[in-house]
Amino acid sequence: MKLPNNPVMHRRGEGLAIFLAGLVLYHLGGHSWLFFLILFFLPDAGAVGYLKSARLGGILYNLTHWFVWPIILGAIWMKTGNPTLKAIAIIWATHIAFDRMLGWGLKTEESFYHTCMGLKPRIGRKS
C-alpha cells in the first residue's frame, strides 16, 4: 500500500496527534476542564486584527498560533513548577493543534483564508 505524499494531510495528521496528546496530558495533570473550555478559543482573539486589515489580522493571528509560545510557557513552568502555566501551555498548544487538524494554518497577507495549509474555503454564505 502506497502512502499519499500530501504534506497538508501530513500536517493535519500531526495536528490530530498533538491535539489528542494535549487532551491526555491535560487530563493526566488533573486540571480543570472548565478552565480548559474558557481558555481554549482565546488564541483566536488574535483574529480581531482583521477588522483593521488582512495584514494586521494575519500578523496578530499568527502571533497567537505559533507553537513557540506554548513551548516557552512550558519551559517557564518547568523552571517555576507553577501548575497554572503548565495548564495554559497545554491548552494553547492543543488549540493550535486543533486548528491544524482542521486544516487551518498560519495566515498570509492576502486574506484570512490563505494559510500555510493552502487556500481554505470560505465559511458561510457566498456574497
C-alpha atoms as a PDB file:
ATOM      1  CA  MET A   1       0.000   0.000   0.000  1.00  0.00           C
ATOM      2  CA  LYS A   2       1.453   3.305  -1.076  1.00  0.00           C
ATOM      3  CA  LEU A   3       1.004   6.248   1.296  1.00  0.00           C
ATOM      4  CA  PRO A   4      -0.049   9.543  -0.313  1.00  0.00           C
ATOM      5  CA  ASN A   5       2.608  12.248  -0.472  1.00  0.00           C
ATOM      6  CA  ASN A   6       0.373  15.094   0.638  1.00  0.00           C
ATOM      7  CA  PRO A   7       2.140  17.471   3.056  1.00  0.00           C
ATOM      8  CA  VAL A   8      -1.103  19.191   4.065  1.00  0.00           C
ATOM      9  CA  MET A   9      -2.633  15.864   5.097  1.00  0.00           C
ATOM     10  CA  HIS A  10       0.568  15.017   6.995  1.00  0.00           C
ATOM     11  CA  ARG A  11       0.364  18.336   8.863  1.00  0.00           C
ATOM     12  CA  ARG A  12      -3.304  17.725   9.619  1.00  0.00           C
ATOM     13  CA  GLY A  13      -2.360  14.282  10.974  1.00  0.00           C
ATOM     14  CA  GLU A  14       0.318  15.885  13.142  1.00  0.00           C
ATOM     15  CA  GLY A  15      -2.305  18.326  14.366  1.00  0.00           C
ATOM     16  CA  LEU A  16      -4.579  15.432  15.312  1.00  0.00           C
ATOM     17  CA  ALA A  17      -1.749  13.667  17.162  1.00  0.00           C
ATOM     18  CA  ILE A  18      -0.754  16.807  19.104  1.00  0.00           C
ATOM     19  CA  PHE A  19      -4.401  17.613  19.844  1.00  0.00           C
ATOM     20  CA  LEU A  20      -5.027  14.151  21.304  1.00  0.00           C
ATOM     21  CA  ALA A  21      -1.740  14.214  23.234  1.00  0.00           C
ATOM     22  CA  GLY A  22      -2.695  17.611  24.660  1.00  0.00           C
ATOM     23  CA  LEU A  23      -6.051  16.296  25.857  1.00  0.00           C
ATOM     24  CA  VAL A  24      -4.374  13.304  27.502  1.00  0.00           C
ATOM     25  CA  LEU A  25      -1.679  15.436  29.173  1.00  0.00           C
ATOM     26  CA  TYR A  26      -4.287  17.891  30.407  1.00  0.00           C
ATOM     27  CA  HIS A  27      -6.397  15.074  31.836  1.00  0.00           C
ATOM     28  CA  LEU A  28      -3.398  13.388  33.477  1.00  0.00           C
ATOM     29  CA  GLY A  29      -2.436  16.728  35.026  1.00  0.00           C
ATOM     30  CA  GLY A  30      -5.769  16.838  36.831  1.00  0.00           C
ATOM     31  CA  HIS A  31      -6.532  20.347  35.599  1.00  0.00           C
ATOM     32  CA  SER A  32      -9.987  21.932  35.493  1.00  0.00           C
ATOM     33  CA  TRP A  33     -11.942  21.217  32.309  1.00  0.00           C
ATOM     34  CA  LEU A  34     -13.904  24.412  32.852  1.00  0.00           C
ATOM     35  CA  PHE A  35     -10.590  26.302  32.733  1.00  0.00           C
ATOM     36  CA  PHE A  36      -9.810  24.415  29.508  1.00  0.00           C
ATOM     37  CA  LEU A  37     -13.116  25.415  27.907  1.00  0.00           C
ATOM     38  CA  ILE A  38     -12.742  29.043  28.951  1.00  0.00           C
ATOM     39  CA  LEU A  39      -9.226  29.384  27.507  1.00  0.00           C
ATOM     40  CA  PHE A  40      -9.396  27.041  24.514  1.00  0.00           C
ATOM     41  CA  PHE A  41     -10.533  29.625  21.949  1.00  0.00           C
ATOM     42  CA  LEU A  42      -8.646  32.572  23.466  1.00  0.00           C
ATOM     43  CA  PRO A  43      -5.848  32.401  20.846  1.00  0.00           C
ATOM     44  CA  ASP A  44      -8.467  33.220  18.200  1.00  0.00           C
ATOM     45  CA  ALA A  45      -8.738  36.703  19.714  1.00  0.00           C
ATOM     46  CA  GLY A  46      -5.736  37.499  17.505  1.00  0.00           C
ATOM     47  CA  ALA A  47      -8.129  37.487  14.546  1.00  0.00           C
ATOM     48  CA  VAL A  48      -9.573  40.814  15.771  1.00  0.00           C
ATOM     49  CA  GLY A  49      -6.834  42.459  13.688  1.00  0.00           C
ATOM     50  CA  TYR A  50      -8.808  41.510  10.567  1.00  0.00           C
ATOM     51  CA  LEU A  51     -11.244  44.286  11.484  1.00  0.00           C
ATOM     52  CA  LYS A  52      -8.447  46.728  10.559  1.00  0.00           C
ATOM     53  CA  SER A  53      -6.719  44.914   7.679  1.00  0.00           C
ATOM     54  CA  ALA A  54      -5.772  41.491   6.347  1.00  0.00           C
ATOM     55  CA  ARG A  55      -2.116  42.278   7.047  1.00  0.00           C
ATOM     56  CA  LEU A  56      -2.668  43.186  10.721  1.00  0.00           C
ATOM     57  CA  GLY A  57      -5.094  40.298  11.167  1.00  0.00           C
ATOM     58  CA  GLY A  58      -2.568  37.853   9.753  1.00  0.00           C
ATOM     59  CA  ILE A  59       0.207  39.159  11.978  1.00  0.00           C
ATOM     60  CA  LEU A  60      -1.870  39.009  15.175  1.00  0.00           C
ATOM     61  CA  TYR A  61      -3.419  35.655  14.324  1.00  0.00           C
ATOM     62  CA  ASN A  62      -0.001  34.168  13.538  1.00  0.00           C
ATOM     63  CA  LEU A  63       1.465  35.502  16.769  1.00  0.00           C
ATOM     64  CA  THR A  64      -1.195  33.661  18.765  1.00  0.00           C
ATOM     65  CA  HIS A  65      -0.937  30.471  16.667  1.00  0.00           C
ATOM     66  CA  TRP A  66       2.789  29.905  16.756  1.00  0.00           C
ATOM     67  CA  PHE A  67       3.800  26.775  18.708  1.00  0.00           C
ATOM     68  CA  VAL A  68       6.869  28.546  20.093  1.00  0.00           C
ATOM     69  CA  TRP A  69       4.808  30.474  22.699  1.00  0.00           C
ATOM     70  CA  PRO A  70       3.254  27.474  24.484  1.00  0.00           C
ATOM     71  CA  ILE A  71       6.671  25.780  24.325  1.00  0.00           C
ATOM     72  CA  ILE A  72       8.283  28.791  26.035  1.00  0.00           C
ATOM     73  CA  LEU A  73       5.451  28.861  28.568  1.00  0.00           C
ATOM     74  CA  GLY A  74       6.012  25.146  29.215  1.00  0.00           C
ATOM     75  CA  ALA A  75       9.720  25.809  29.766  1.00  0.00           C
ATOM     76  CA  ILE A  76       8.862  28.543  32.269  1.00  0.00           C
ATOM     77  CA  TRP A  77       6.539  26.062  34.008  1.00  0.00           C
ATOM     78  CA  MET A  78       9.362  23.522  34.242  1.00  0.00           C
ATOM     79  CA  LYS A  79      11.581  26.180  35.846  1.00  0.00           C
ATOM     80  CA  THR A  80       8.936  27.509  38.271  1.00  0.00           C
ATOM     81  CA  GLY A  81       6.688  24.478  38.834  1.00  0.00           C
ATOM     82  CA  ASN A  82       3.581  26.693  38.508  1.00  0.00           C
ATOM     83  CA  PRO A  83       0.733  24.305  37.530  1.00  0.00           C
ATOM     84  CA  THR A  84      -1.339  27.127  36.001  1.00  0.00           C
ATOM     85  CA  LEU A  85       1.429  27.844  33.480  1.00  0.00           C
ATOM     86  CA  LYS A  86       1.521  24.156  32.623  1.00  0.00           C
ATOM     87  CA  ALA A  87      -2.250  24.088  32.066  1.00  0.00           C
ATOM     88  CA  ILE A  88      -2.180  27.224  29.894  1.00  0.00           C
ATOM     89  CA  ALA A  89       0.718  25.869  27.808  1.00  0.00           C
ATOM     90  CA  ILE A  90      -1.146  22.622  27.180  1.00  0.00           C
ATOM     91  CA  ILE A  91      -4.405  24.411  26.325  1.00  0.00           C
ATOM     92  CA  TRP A  92      -2.618  26.798  23.954  1.00  0.00           C
ATOM     93  CA  ALA A  93      -0.727  24.030  22.134  1.00  0.00           C
ATOM     94  CA  THR A  94      -3.890  21.935  21.967  1.00  0.00           C
ATOM     95  CA  HIS A  95      -5.787  24.842  20.395  1.00  0.00           C
ATOM     96  CA  ILE A  96      -3.103  25.362  17.755  1.00  0.00           C
ATOM     97  CA  ALA A  97      -3.072  21.628  17.010  1.00  0.00           C
ATOM     98  CA  PHE A  98      -6.891  21.644  16.751  1.00  0.00           C
ATOM     99  CA  ASP A  99      -6.693  24.359  14.097  1.00  0.00           C
ATOM    100  CA  ARG A 100      -4.017  22.454  12.155  1.00  0.00           C
ATOM    101  CA  MET A 101      -6.091  19.275  12.397  1.00  0.00           C
ATOM    102  CA  LEU A 102      -8.993  21.135  10.775  1.00  0.00           C
ATOM    103  CA  GLY A 103      -6.727  22.437   8.025  1.00  0.00           C
ATOM    104  CA  TRP A 104      -6.236  25.963   9.328  1.00  0.00           C
ATOM    105  CA  GLY A 105      -2.704  27.255   9.381  1.00  0.00           C
ATOM    106  CA  LEU A 106      -0.676  30.410   9.746  1.00  0.00           C
ATOM    107  CA  LYS A 107      -2.117  33.205   7.621  1.00  0.00           C
ATOM    108  CA  THR A 108      -0.619  35.019   4.669  1.00  0.00           C
ATOM    109  CA  GLU A 109      -1.203  38.708   3.955  1.00  0.00           C
ATOM    110  CA  GLU A 110      -3.819  38.011   1.246  1.00  0.00           C
ATOM    111  CA  SER A 111      -6.724  37.088   3.487  1.00  0.00           C
ATOM    112  CA  PHE A 112      -7.933  35.029   6.416  1.00  0.00           C
ATOM    113  CA  TYR A 113      -8.494  32.130   4.023  1.00  0.00           C
ATOM    114  CA  HIS A 114      -4.930  31.974   2.639  1.00  0.00           C
ATOM    115  CA  THR A 115      -2.849  29.861   5.027  1.00  0.00           C
ATOM    116  CA  CYS A 116       0.317  27.780   5.134  1.00  0.00           C
ATOM    117  CA  MET A 117      -2.039  24.812   4.745  1.00  0.00           C
ATOM    118  CA  GLY A 118      -3.352  26.126   1.419  1.00  0.00           C
ATOM    119  CA  LEU A 119      -6.451  28.103   0.461  1.00  0.00           C
ATOM    120  CA  LYS A 120      -9.252  27.405   2.919  1.00  0.00           C
ATOM    121  CA  PRO A 121     -12.828  27.538   1.589  1.00  0.00           C
ATOM    122  CA  ARG A 122     -14.939  30.388   2.843  1.00  0.00           C
ATOM    123  CA  ILE A 123     -17.326  29.704   5.689  1.00  0.00           C
ATOM    124  CA  GLY A 124     -20.954  30.730   5.403  1.00  0.00           C
ATOM    125  CA  ARG A 125     -22.971  32.097   2.514  1.00  0.00           C
ATOM    126  CA  LYS A 126     -21.350  33.374  -0.655  1.00  0.00           C
ATOM    127  CA  SER A 127     -21.894  37.071  -1.285  1.00  0.00           C
END
